[in-house]
Amino acid sequence: MRLKNLLEGVKIKYADTNALETSVEDISFDSRCIKKNSVFVAYGGTDTDSHKYIEDVKKSGKVSVFVTEKPVEGALSVVVDSGRKALALMSKSFFGVDDDKLIKIAVTGTNGKTTVNYLLESIFTACGYRTIKIGTTEYKIIDETIKADTTTPSPYDYYRILSRGLKKGANVLCVEVSSHALMQHRLYGTNFDLAIFTNLTGDHLDYHKTMESYYNAKKLLFRSDYSKKCLVNIDSEYGRKILDECDIDTFTYGIERKADFRGMDLANSLDGVSFNMKADKLAKIRSNLVGTHNIYNILAAIAAADILKLDLHKIVDGVEKLKNVPGRLEKFEIKGRYFFVDYAHTDDALENVLKSLYSLKKKRIITVFGCGGNRDKTKRPRMAKVSEKYSDVIIVTSDNPRKENPREIIKDIEKGFSSKSSYEVVIDRRQAIQYAYELSEEGDIILVAGKGHENYQILKNKTIHFDDREEIQNLERGEYRAGV
């Protein structure tokens, strides 16, 4: 393919005479993985600038031409306004993606993205559609599952997935969109039929630095160059801010405020939720998902499907068919104890989950949680405060410590407790889960929070297999193993 065909729609500032006519066989954008006869795309990043590796790339002899944000000496090159945007549009052209053939829905927010995405997939499947689902737990092309390394993949992988899905007959795309992905233009070139905003609370401030910067990243999805319409949680302060500032058609959902789609007459139990949804029609909704926060997620999915003109009876059927979402208040009942595994790794997410469980408790709530290393440190004491507010027993443990010392992470968490008697520390996560079980009695709720669907633990020098759900199931079988 000639480079000029790949660069369709890209803002070019300068091009060498022969560069645009150069034929290439692939696109490279990582200096550690250069493909033969490819074009190399360079851009400035948060941690590094890939322009600094251009000399090494040239020495590989595999690159025919460069697309960069700065002139390259001694090689054919095209200088563009944004390397990241160029990579996205070039990937779309390279894989020949005609995404007008897809109904496209994007979900963003701090919490709830994954659950809304699973609900959408279940609804569209019940309505007879074939779905591409991209998100935190997995990338799924109809019936083919691909491991997800990040919530939102690189532009190259994103458009490769869309291309594969279209060839297999997919007609719906549901994507979880992270703030990082928006800042890095990973989905650039896609104009979504509907964008959903769930909420915004303190997270990723190690990357964004301020809540305003975090919000501005999310807000990018609600511009006309990214989305045609939006659906916003009106009970969220930042949701109302988006409504005031976006330039596309808006719809709202919520519980506390008047909304286009409103949840009323809420009922919550350990077996699931039910409520009435008031919109143009009144619908009775039942779901196996537990917790008031999941009523918001269900409302978002139903409202999205209704806006996109799906049949309401089939929408309701799709909601009821979803039994659980991996690692999102996933329930395990063991000898009269109710274990819940949840991905909650921010204070707001932990509060939503604990508040819902607190309203359902028969005896005690035992909470096991930790915080990830090399991530936003400000939320650590806040998570302690939340756990203390709603828990009868708290066990602080290790999460994904990464390159930090687990003891130092726990010291940051401890700053949020009002008393040393409020909690116990068991650094080894396996032993912490076992200890929670040993302490528990029939009727207790045990929340294991932070890692959810993850089946690994990231340590200083290695990543090991570790799955909270497996550890709980081992307890059910009476299998106690040594700590890690």
Protein backbone atom coordinates (compact mmCIF):
# COMPACT_ATOMS: atom_id res chain seq x y z
CA MET A 1 0.00 0.00 0.00
CA ARG A 2 1.31 3.47 -0.85
CA LEU A 3 1.86 5.75 2.12
CA LYS A 4 -0.33 8.49 0.66
CA ASN A 5 -3.30 6.09 0.79
CA LEU A 6 -2.61 5.30 4.44
CA LEU A 7 -2.46 9.01 5.27
CA GLU A 8 -5.95 9.82 4.02
CA GLY A 9 -7.49 12.39 6.41
CA VAL A 10 -4.20 13.03 8.24
CA LYS A 11 -3.05 16.66 8.65
CA ILE A 12 0.33 16.79 6.86
CA LYS A 13 2.72 19.67 7.60
CA TYR A 14 5.56 18.57 5.29
CA ALA A 15 6.37 15.57 3.07
CA ASP A 16 9.56 14.52 1.25
CA THR A 17 9.05 14.31 -2.52
CA ASN A 18 9.13 10.51 -2.72
CA ALA A 19 7.78 9.71 0.74
CA LEU A 20 4.09 9.71 -0.16
CA GLU A 21 4.68 7.32 -3.06
CA THR A 22 6.61 4.82 -0.93
CA SER A 23 4.99 1.38 -0.67
CA VAL A 24 4.74 -0.14 2.81
CA GLU A 25 3.54 -3.51 4.07
CA ASP A 26 2.75 -2.66 7.70
CA ILE A 27 2.82 0.00 10.41
CA SER A 28 5.37 0.11 13.26
CA PHE A 29 5.09 2.41 16.28
CA ASP A 30 7.14 0.64 18.96
CA SER A 31 10.93 0.70 18.49
CA ARG A 32 11.14 -2.69 20.24
CA CYS A 33 8.89 -4.30 17.62
CA ILE A 34 9.76 -3.18 14.09
CA LYS A 35 8.00 -4.92 11.21
CA LYS A 36 9.65 -5.56 7.84
CA ASN A 37 8.99 -2.99 5.06
CA SER A 38 6.92 -0.84 7.40
CA VAL A 39 6.31 2.84 8.05
CA PHE A 40 7.41 3.96 11.52
CA VAL A 41 5.12 6.44 13.32
CA ALA A 42 6.73 8.55 16.06
CA TYR A 43 5.09 10.86 18.59
CA GLY A 44 5.69 12.59 21.90
CA GLY A 45 4.39 10.76 24.95
CA THR A 46 3.85 11.28 28.68
CA ASP A 47 6.87 9.23 29.74
CA THR A 48 8.97 9.18 26.59
CA ASP A 49 9.23 10.59 23.07
CA SER A 50 9.60 7.90 20.42
CA HIS A 51 11.47 10.33 18.15
CA LYS A 52 14.53 9.62 20.31
CA TYR A 53 14.63 6.04 18.98
CA ILE A 54 14.55 6.96 15.28
CA GLU A 55 18.30 6.37 14.79
CA ASP A 56 17.94 2.87 16.23
CA VAL A 57 14.92 2.25 14.00
CA LYS A 58 16.89 3.38 10.93
CA LYS A 59 19.67 0.92 11.78
CA SER A 60 17.18 -1.98 11.77
CA GLY A 61 16.86 -1.60 7.99
CA LYS A 62 13.22 -2.65 8.15
CA VAL A 63 11.60 0.79 7.88
CA SER A 64 10.99 2.33 4.46
CA VAL A 65 9.65 5.72 5.56
CA PHE A 66 8.85 7.72 8.72
CA VAL A 67 5.75 9.62 9.84
CA THR A 68 6.79 11.97 12.63
CA GLU A 69 6.06 15.23 14.41
CA LYS A 70 9.63 16.45 13.77
CA PRO A 71 11.80 16.36 10.61
CA VAL A 72 14.00 13.26 10.19
CA GLU A 73 17.42 13.64 8.64
CA GLY A 74 18.75 11.05 6.24
CA ALA A 75 15.47 9.22 5.65
CA LEU A 76 12.20 9.63 3.75
CA SER A 77 9.68 11.21 6.07
CA VAL A 78 6.33 12.92 6.41
CA VAL A 79 5.82 15.45 9.20
CA VAL A 80 2.30 15.52 10.65
CA ASP A 81 0.41 17.64 13.14
CA SER A 82 -0.16 14.73 15.57
CA GLY A 83 1.63 11.39 15.40
CA ARG A 84 -0.97 9.73 17.61
CA LYS A 85 -3.90 10.87 15.46
CA ALA A 86 -1.95 9.86 12.35
CA LEU A 87 -1.37 6.37 13.76
CA ALA A 88 -5.10 5.95 14.40
CA LEU A 89 -6.20 7.07 10.93
CA MET A 90 -3.40 5.08 9.27
CA SER A 91 -4.44 1.95 11.20
CA LYS A 92 -8.04 2.42 10.13
CA SER A 93 -6.95 2.70 6.48
CA PHE A 94 -4.46 -0.18 6.74
CA PHE A 95 -7.11 -2.60 8.01
CA GLY A 96 -9.76 -1.23 5.64
CA VAL A 97 -12.28 -0.57 8.38
CA ASP A 98 -15.68 0.78 7.32
CA ASP A 99 -17.18 1.31 10.75
CA ASP A 100 -20.36 2.84 9.32
CA LYS A 101 -21.47 -0.80 9.14
CA LEU A 102 -21.45 -0.94 12.96
CA ILE A 103 -23.72 0.48 15.65
CA LYS A 104 -21.05 2.05 17.86
CA ILE A 105 -21.37 2.71 21.61
CA ALA A 106 -18.64 4.08 23.88
CA VAL A 107 -18.78 3.99 27.70
CA THR A 108 -16.56 6.16 29.89
CA GLY A 109 -16.40 7.14 33.57
CA THR A 110 -14.43 6.10 36.63
CA ASN A 111 -16.75 3.29 37.70
CA GLY A 112 -19.32 1.11 35.97
CA LYS A 113 -17.83 0.93 32.46
CA THR A 114 -17.30 -2.84 32.46
CA THR A 115 -20.74 -3.70 33.86
CA VAL A 116 -22.51 -1.40 31.40
CA ASN A 117 -20.52 -2.99 28.57
CA TYR A 118 -21.49 -6.52 29.63
CA LEU A 119 -25.13 -5.47 29.91
CA LEU A 120 -25.03 -3.92 26.44
CA GLU A 121 -23.55 -7.10 24.99
CA SER A 122 -26.27 -9.20 26.64
CA ILE A 123 -29.02 -6.85 25.41
CA PHE A 124 -27.78 -6.72 21.83
CA THR A 125 -27.34 -10.50 21.78
CA ALA A 126 -30.93 -10.94 23.00
CA CYS A 127 -31.99 -8.65 20.13
CA GLY A 128 -30.20 -10.81 17.57
CA TYR A 129 -27.08 -8.68 16.98
CA ARG A 130 -23.45 -9.83 16.79
CA THR A 131 -21.19 -7.80 19.03
CA ILE A 132 -17.59 -6.67 19.29
CA LYS A 133 -16.90 -5.90 22.97
CA ILE A 134 -13.71 -4.11 24.03
CA GLY A 135 -13.00 -3.52 27.70
CA THR A 136 -11.09 -4.16 30.91
CA THR A 137 -11.76 -7.88 31.34
CA GLU A 138 -11.50 -9.00 27.72
CA TYR A 139 -11.76 -8.15 24.05
CA LYS A 140 -14.49 -10.24 22.45
CA ILE A 141 -15.32 -10.60 18.75
CA ILE A 142 -18.76 -12.29 18.70
CA ASP A 143 -17.67 -15.66 20.16
CA GLU A 144 -13.88 -15.19 20.04
CA THR A 145 -12.18 -13.95 23.22
CA ILE A 146 -8.84 -12.13 23.25
CA LYS A 147 -6.88 -11.28 26.41
CA ALA A 148 -7.13 -7.59 27.30
CA ASP A 149 -3.83 -5.95 28.25
CA THR A 150 -5.42 -2.52 28.73
CA THR A 151 -9.00 -1.28 29.00
CA THR A 152 -8.76 0.37 25.57
CA PRO A 153 -6.16 -1.06 23.14
CA SER A 154 -3.71 0.78 20.90
CA PRO A 155 -5.15 2.28 17.67
CA TYR A 156 -3.45 -0.49 15.66
CA ASP A 157 -5.01 -3.26 17.75
CA TYR A 158 -8.34 -1.44 18.01
CA TYR A 159 -8.80 -1.20 14.25
CA ARG A 160 -7.44 -4.72 13.76
CA ILE A 161 -10.17 -5.99 16.12
CA LEU A 162 -12.84 -4.00 14.25
CA SER A 163 -11.62 -5.37 10.92
CA ARG A 164 -11.75 -8.94 12.20
CA GLY A 165 -15.21 -8.37 13.68
CA LEU A 166 -16.61 -6.95 10.44
CA LYS A 167 -15.26 -9.93 8.49
CA LYS A 168 -17.00 -12.26 10.96
CA GLY A 169 -20.30 -10.42 10.53
CA ALA A 170 -20.38 -8.23 13.62
CA ASN A 171 -22.82 -5.31 13.51
CA VAL A 172 -22.41 -3.74 16.98
CA LEU A 173 -19.35 -2.27 18.75
CA CYS A 174 -19.31 -1.67 22.53
CA VAL A 175 -16.13 -0.05 23.87
CA GLU A 176 -14.95 0.93 27.34
CA VAL A 177 -13.00 4.15 26.85
CA SER A 178 -10.35 5.10 29.41
CA SER A 179 -9.16 8.64 30.03
CA HIS A 180 -5.67 7.56 28.93
CA ALA A 181 -7.11 6.34 25.62
CA LEU A 182 -8.83 9.67 25.01
CA MET A 183 -5.72 11.69 25.81
CA GLN A 184 -3.71 9.42 23.50
CA HIS A 185 -6.27 9.44 20.65
CA ARG A 186 -6.43 5.64 20.54
CA LEU A 187 -9.95 5.65 19.06
CA TYR A 188 -9.44 8.64 16.79
CA GLY A 189 -11.28 8.20 13.50
CA THR A 190 -14.36 6.58 15.05
CA ASN A 191 -17.55 8.62 15.42
CA PHE A 192 -19.74 6.83 17.95
CA ASP A 193 -23.51 6.68 17.60
CA LEU A 194 -23.80 7.07 21.38
CA ALA A 195 -21.38 7.92 24.19
CA ILE A 196 -22.26 7.08 27.81
CA PHE A 197 -20.93 8.88 30.89
CA THR A 198 -21.29 6.96 34.19
CA ASN A 199 -19.52 9.10 36.85
CA LEU A 200 -16.21 10.67 37.77
CA THR A 201 -14.35 10.25 41.06
CA GLY A 202 -10.73 10.47 42.20
CA ASP A 203 -8.54 8.05 40.24
CA HIS A 204 -5.55 8.15 37.87
CA LEU A 205 -4.37 11.41 39.42
CA ASP A 206 -0.81 10.10 39.13
CA TYR A 207 -1.34 10.58 35.38
CA HIS A 208 -3.80 13.51 35.19
CA LYS A 209 -2.57 15.38 38.31
CA THR A 210 -5.91 17.19 38.92
CA MET A 211 -9.60 16.28 38.78
CA GLU A 212 -10.14 19.07 36.25
CA SER A 213 -7.54 17.52 33.93
CA TYR A 214 -9.10 14.09 34.45
CA TYR A 215 -12.54 15.51 33.61
CA ASN A 216 -11.25 17.31 30.52
CA ALA A 217 -9.84 14.02 29.23
CA LYS A 218 -13.21 12.29 29.65
CA LYS A 219 -15.01 15.25 28.09
CA LEU A 220 -13.20 14.70 24.78
CA LEU A 221 -15.57 11.79 24.06
CA PHE A 222 -18.56 14.14 24.16
CA ARG A 223 -17.50 16.33 21.26
CA SER A 224 -19.05 16.04 17.81
CA ASP A 225 -15.82 14.69 16.28
CA TYR A 226 -16.07 11.66 18.59
CA SER A 227 -19.80 11.07 19.15
CA LYS A 228 -23.20 11.88 17.63
CA LYS A 229 -25.27 11.64 20.85
CA CYS A 230 -24.58 11.22 24.56
CA LEU A 231 -26.27 9.62 27.56
CA VAL A 232 -25.25 11.09 30.92
CA ASN A 233 -25.76 10.17 34.57
CA ILE A 234 -27.53 13.32 35.77
CA ASP A 235 -26.98 12.42 39.44
CA SER A 236 -23.24 12.92 38.90
CA GLU A 237 -21.88 16.44 39.37
CA TYR A 238 -19.52 15.93 36.44
CA GLY A 239 -22.35 14.46 34.39
CA ARG A 240 -24.29 17.70 34.77
CA LYS A 241 -21.16 19.60 33.81
CA ILE A 242 -20.88 17.60 30.58
CA LEU A 243 -24.53 18.39 29.80
CA ASP A 244 -23.74 22.10 30.08
CA GLU A 245 -20.60 21.94 27.96
CA CYS A 246 -21.10 19.35 25.19
CA ASP A 247 -22.22 20.23 21.66
CA ILE A 248 -24.16 17.06 20.76
CA ASP A 249 -27.67 15.71 21.44
CA THR A 250 -28.08 14.71 25.09
CA PHE A 251 -30.11 12.18 27.08
CA THR A 252 -30.06 11.63 30.84
CA TYR A 253 -30.51 8.79 33.31
CA GLY A 254 -30.58 8.74 37.10
CA ILE A 255 -32.39 7.96 40.32
CA GLU A 256 -32.28 11.09 42.49
CA ARG A 257 -33.05 13.74 39.86
CA LYS A 258 -35.58 14.09 37.08
CA ALA A 259 -34.17 12.29 34.02
CA ASP A 260 -35.19 10.97 30.61
CA PHE A 261 -34.71 7.46 32.06
CA ARG A 262 -35.30 7.28 35.79
CA GLY A 263 -35.12 4.40 38.26
CA MET A 264 -37.91 4.30 40.85
CA ASP A 265 -39.27 1.93 43.53
CA LEU A 266 -35.86 0.35 44.06
CA ALA A 267 -35.53 -3.06 45.71
CA ASN A 268 -32.20 -4.64 46.62
CA SER A 269 -31.30 -8.07 47.99
CA LEU A 270 -28.41 -10.52 48.03
CA ASP A 271 -30.10 -12.21 45.07
CA GLY A 272 -30.28 -9.09 42.88
CA VAL A 273 -32.13 -5.83 42.27
CA SER A 274 -35.48 -4.76 40.87
CA PHE A 275 -36.94 -1.35 40.05
CA ASN A 276 -39.32 0.48 37.78
CA MET A 277 -37.81 2.44 34.92
CA LYS A 278 -39.81 5.51 34.01
CA ALA A 279 -39.28 6.84 30.47
CA ASP A 280 -41.75 7.07 27.58
CA LYS A 281 -43.03 3.75 28.91
CA LEU A 282 -42.91 2.25 32.40
CA ALA A 283 -40.92 -0.99 32.59
CA LYS A 284 -40.36 -3.39 35.49
CA ILE A 285 -36.70 -4.38 35.61
CA ARG A 286 -35.15 -7.35 37.43
CA SER A 287 -31.51 -8.33 37.48
CA ASN A 288 -29.18 -10.79 39.19
CA LEU A 289 -26.70 -7.96 39.77
CA VAL A 290 -26.47 -6.75 43.36
CA GLY A 291 -26.30 -3.17 44.65
CA THR A 292 -27.77 0.27 44.03
CA HIS A 293 -24.75 1.26 41.95
CA ASN A 294 -25.72 -1.54 39.57
CA ILE A 295 -29.17 0.00 39.15
CA TYR A 296 -27.35 2.98 37.64
CA ASN A 297 -25.41 0.64 35.35
CA ILE A 298 -28.59 -1.19 34.29
CA LEU A 299 -30.37 2.12 33.66
CA ALA A 300 -27.50 3.29 31.46
CA ALA A 301 -27.57 0.11 29.35
CA ILE A 302 -31.36 0.05 28.98
CA ALA A 303 -31.49 3.75 28.13
CA ALA A 304 -28.74 3.33 25.51
CA ALA A 305 -30.55 0.43 23.88
CA ASP A 306 -33.84 2.35 23.88
CA ILE A 307 -32.20 5.44 22.33
CA LEU A 308 -30.84 3.15 19.62
CA LYS A 309 -34.42 1.92 18.94
CA LEU A 310 -34.17 -1.65 20.22
CA ASP A 311 -37.31 -3.50 21.29
CA LEU A 312 -38.02 -2.87 25.00
CA HIS A 313 -39.17 -6.43 25.75
CA LYS A 314 -35.95 -7.84 24.30
CA ILE A 315 -33.93 -5.21 26.18
CA VAL A 316 -35.46 -6.36 29.47
CA ASP A 317 -34.80 -9.99 28.49
CA GLY A 318 -31.15 -9.17 27.82
CA VAL A 319 -30.77 -7.59 31.27
CA GLU A 320 -32.31 -10.60 33.00
CA LYS A 321 -30.08 -13.05 31.11
CA LEU A 322 -26.85 -11.56 32.45
CA LYS A 323 -26.10 -13.59 35.58
CA ASN A 324 -22.89 -11.83 36.67
CA VAL A 325 -19.97 -9.72 35.49
CA PRO A 326 -16.50 -11.15 36.21
CA GLY A 327 -15.10 -9.57 39.37
CA ARG A 328 -17.92 -7.04 39.75
CA LEU A 329 -19.71 -7.99 42.98
CA GLU A 330 -19.33 -11.59 41.85
CA LYS A 331 -20.96 -13.72 44.53
CA PHE A 332 -19.80 -17.01 46.11
CA GLU A 333 -21.84 -18.62 48.91
CA ILE A 334 -19.78 -20.86 51.19
CA LYS A 335 -21.29 -22.54 54.26
CA GLY A 336 -23.72 -19.69 54.89
CA ARG A 337 -21.14 -16.96 54.26
CA TYR A 338 -21.55 -14.57 51.33
CA PHE A 339 -18.28 -13.81 49.59
CA PHE A 340 -18.21 -10.98 47.05
CA VAL A 341 -15.26 -10.25 44.76
CA ASP A 342 -15.16 -6.75 43.32
CA TYR A 343 -12.76 -4.64 41.27
CA ALA A 344 -13.36 -1.57 43.48
CA HIS A 345 -9.97 0.14 43.65
CA THR A 346 -11.03 3.74 44.35
CA ASP A 347 -12.67 5.15 47.47
CA ASP A 348 -15.85 6.00 45.54
CA ALA A 349 -16.16 2.52 44.03
CA LEU A 350 -15.47 0.92 47.42
CA GLU A 351 -18.09 3.12 49.06
CA ASN A 352 -20.70 2.27 46.41
CA VAL A 353 -20.10 -1.44 46.91
CA LEU A 354 -19.94 -1.35 50.71
CA LYS A 355 -22.98 0.91 50.99
CA SER A 356 -25.01 -1.57 48.93
CA LEU A 357 -23.79 -4.55 50.96
CA TYR A 358 -24.31 -2.68 54.25
CA SER A 359 -28.01 -2.30 53.49
CA LEU A 360 -28.23 -6.08 52.98
CA LYS A 361 -26.15 -7.36 55.88
CA LYS A 362 -27.58 -9.93 58.25
CA LYS A 363 -24.64 -10.01 60.66
CA ARG A 364 -21.23 -8.51 59.86
CA ILE A 365 -19.34 -7.14 56.89
CA ILE A 366 -15.70 -8.25 56.67
CA THR A 367 -13.68 -6.24 54.16
CA VAL A 368 -10.36 -7.36 52.66
CA PHE A 369 -8.61 -4.74 50.54
CA GLY A 370 -5.29 -3.20 49.57
CA CYS A 371 -4.06 -0.57 47.11
CA GLY A 372 -1.98 -0.88 43.97
CA GLY A 373 1.63 0.26 43.89
CA ASN A 374 2.94 2.98 41.58
CA ARG A 375 -0.55 4.40 41.25
CA ASP A 376 -2.47 7.35 42.70
CA LYS A 377 -1.41 7.49 46.37
CA THR A 378 -4.02 10.05 47.42
CA LYS A 379 -6.82 7.50 47.40
CA ARG A 380 -5.13 5.14 49.89
CA PRO A 381 -6.21 6.86 53.14
CA ARG A 382 -9.60 7.66 51.61
CA MET A 383 -10.22 3.96 51.01
CA ALA A 384 -9.38 3.30 54.66
CA LYS A 385 -11.99 5.84 55.79
CA VAL A 386 -14.65 4.28 53.58
CA SER A 387 -13.92 0.75 54.73
CA GLU A 388 -14.04 1.86 58.38
CA LYS A 389 -17.43 3.52 57.85
CA TYR A 390 -19.20 0.42 56.54
CA SER A 391 -17.24 -2.61 57.81
CA ASP A 392 -17.33 -4.52 61.07
CA VAL A 393 -13.96 -6.18 60.42
CA ILE A 394 -11.21 -4.85 58.13
CA ILE A 395 -8.18 -6.77 56.88
CA VAL A 396 -5.65 -4.64 55.01
CA THR A 397 -3.52 -6.61 52.58
CA SER A 398 -1.44 -6.38 49.41
CA ASP A 399 -2.94 -5.68 45.98
CA ASN A 400 -0.58 -5.30 43.00
CA PRO A 401 2.43 -3.73 44.78
CA ARG A 402 4.43 -3.44 41.56
CA LYS A 403 7.74 -1.73 42.37
CA GLU A 404 6.62 -0.35 45.75
CA ASN A 405 7.18 -2.07 49.09
CA PRO A 406 3.78 -3.50 50.22
CA ARG A 407 4.49 -2.34 53.79
CA GLU A 408 4.93 1.26 52.60
CA ILE A 409 1.66 1.11 50.67
CA ILE A 410 -0.12 -0.17 53.77
CA LYS A 411 1.40 2.66 55.84
CA ASP A 412 -0.28 5.13 53.46
CA ILE A 413 -3.59 3.29 53.87
CA GLU A 414 -3.28 3.28 57.68
CA LYS A 415 -3.20 7.10 57.74
CA GLY A 416 -6.93 7.07 56.95
CA PHE A 417 -8.06 4.97 59.92
CA SER A 418 -9.30 6.72 63.05
CA SER A 419 -7.97 3.97 65.31
CA LYS A 420 -5.44 1.13 65.16
CA SER A 421 -8.14 -1.12 66.59
CA SER A 422 -10.24 -0.62 63.43
CA TYR A 423 -8.25 -3.03 61.29
CA GLU A 424 -5.72 -5.82 61.06
CA VAL A 425 -2.85 -6.17 58.58
CA VAL A 426 -2.15 -9.42 56.76
CA ILE A 427 0.26 -8.53 53.97
CA ASP A 428 0.01 -11.82 52.08
CA ARG A 429 -3.25 -11.66 50.08
CA ARG A 430 -3.92 -15.41 50.12
CA GLN A 431 -3.48 -15.53 53.90
CA ALA A 432 -5.70 -12.46 54.25
CA ILE A 433 -8.57 -14.17 52.40
CA GLN A 434 -8.09 -17.33 54.45
CA TYR A 435 -8.03 -15.31 57.67
CA ALA A 436 -11.27 -13.53 56.72
CA TYR A 437 -12.91 -16.91 56.24
CA GLU A 438 -11.60 -18.20 59.59
CA LEU A 439 -12.99 -15.13 61.36
CA SER A 440 -16.37 -15.34 59.64
CA GLU A 441 -19.62 -16.82 60.86
CA GLU A 442 -22.76 -17.95 59.11
CA GLY A 443 -24.61 -14.92 57.70
CA ASP A 444 -21.50 -12.74 57.36
CA ILE A 445 -20.70 -10.88 54.14
CA ILE A 446 -17.03 -10.95 53.11
CA LEU A 447 -15.95 -8.42 50.49
CA VAL A 448 -12.60 -9.02 48.76
CA ALA A 449 -11.95 -5.78 46.90
CA GLY A 450 -9.45 -4.32 44.47
CA LYS A 451 -8.52 -6.98 41.93
CA GLY A 452 -11.87 -8.29 40.73
CA HIS A 453 -11.46 -10.26 37.48
CA GLU A 454 -7.65 -10.16 37.54
CA ASN A 455 -5.94 -13.56 37.61
CA TYR A 456 -2.48 -12.25 38.38
CA GLN A 457 -0.55 -10.27 40.97
CA ILE A 458 2.17 -7.85 39.92
CA LEU A 459 5.17 -7.98 42.25
CA LYS A 460 8.46 -6.10 42.12
CA ASN A 461 10.33 -8.39 39.76
CA LYS A 462 7.65 -10.71 38.40
CA THR A 463 3.97 -11.30 37.76
CA ILE A 464 2.45 -14.42 39.32
CA HIS A 465 -0.89 -16.19 38.89
CA PHE A 466 -3.35 -15.11 41.55
CA ASP A 467 -7.14 -14.98 41.38
CA ASP A 468 -9.29 -13.91 44.36
CA ARG A 469 -12.14 -16.04 43.02
CA GLU A 470 -9.99 -19.17 42.86
CA GLU A 471 -8.78 -18.56 46.41
CA ILE A 472 -12.38 -18.40 47.64
CA GLN A 473 -13.36 -21.54 45.74
CA ASN A 474 -10.36 -23.32 47.29
CA LEU A 475 -11.76 -22.44 50.71
CA GLU A 476 -15.05 -24.02 49.69
CA ARG A 477 -13.17 -27.22 48.84
CA GLY A 478 -11.23 -27.02 52.11
CA GLU A 479 -7.95 -26.38 50.29
CA TYR A 480 -5.63 -24.09 52.24
CA ARG A 481 -2.38 -23.18 50.50
CA ALA A 482 0.75 -21.41 51.59
CA GLY A 483 0.92 -17.66 51.05
CA VAL A 484 2.67 -15.93 48.17
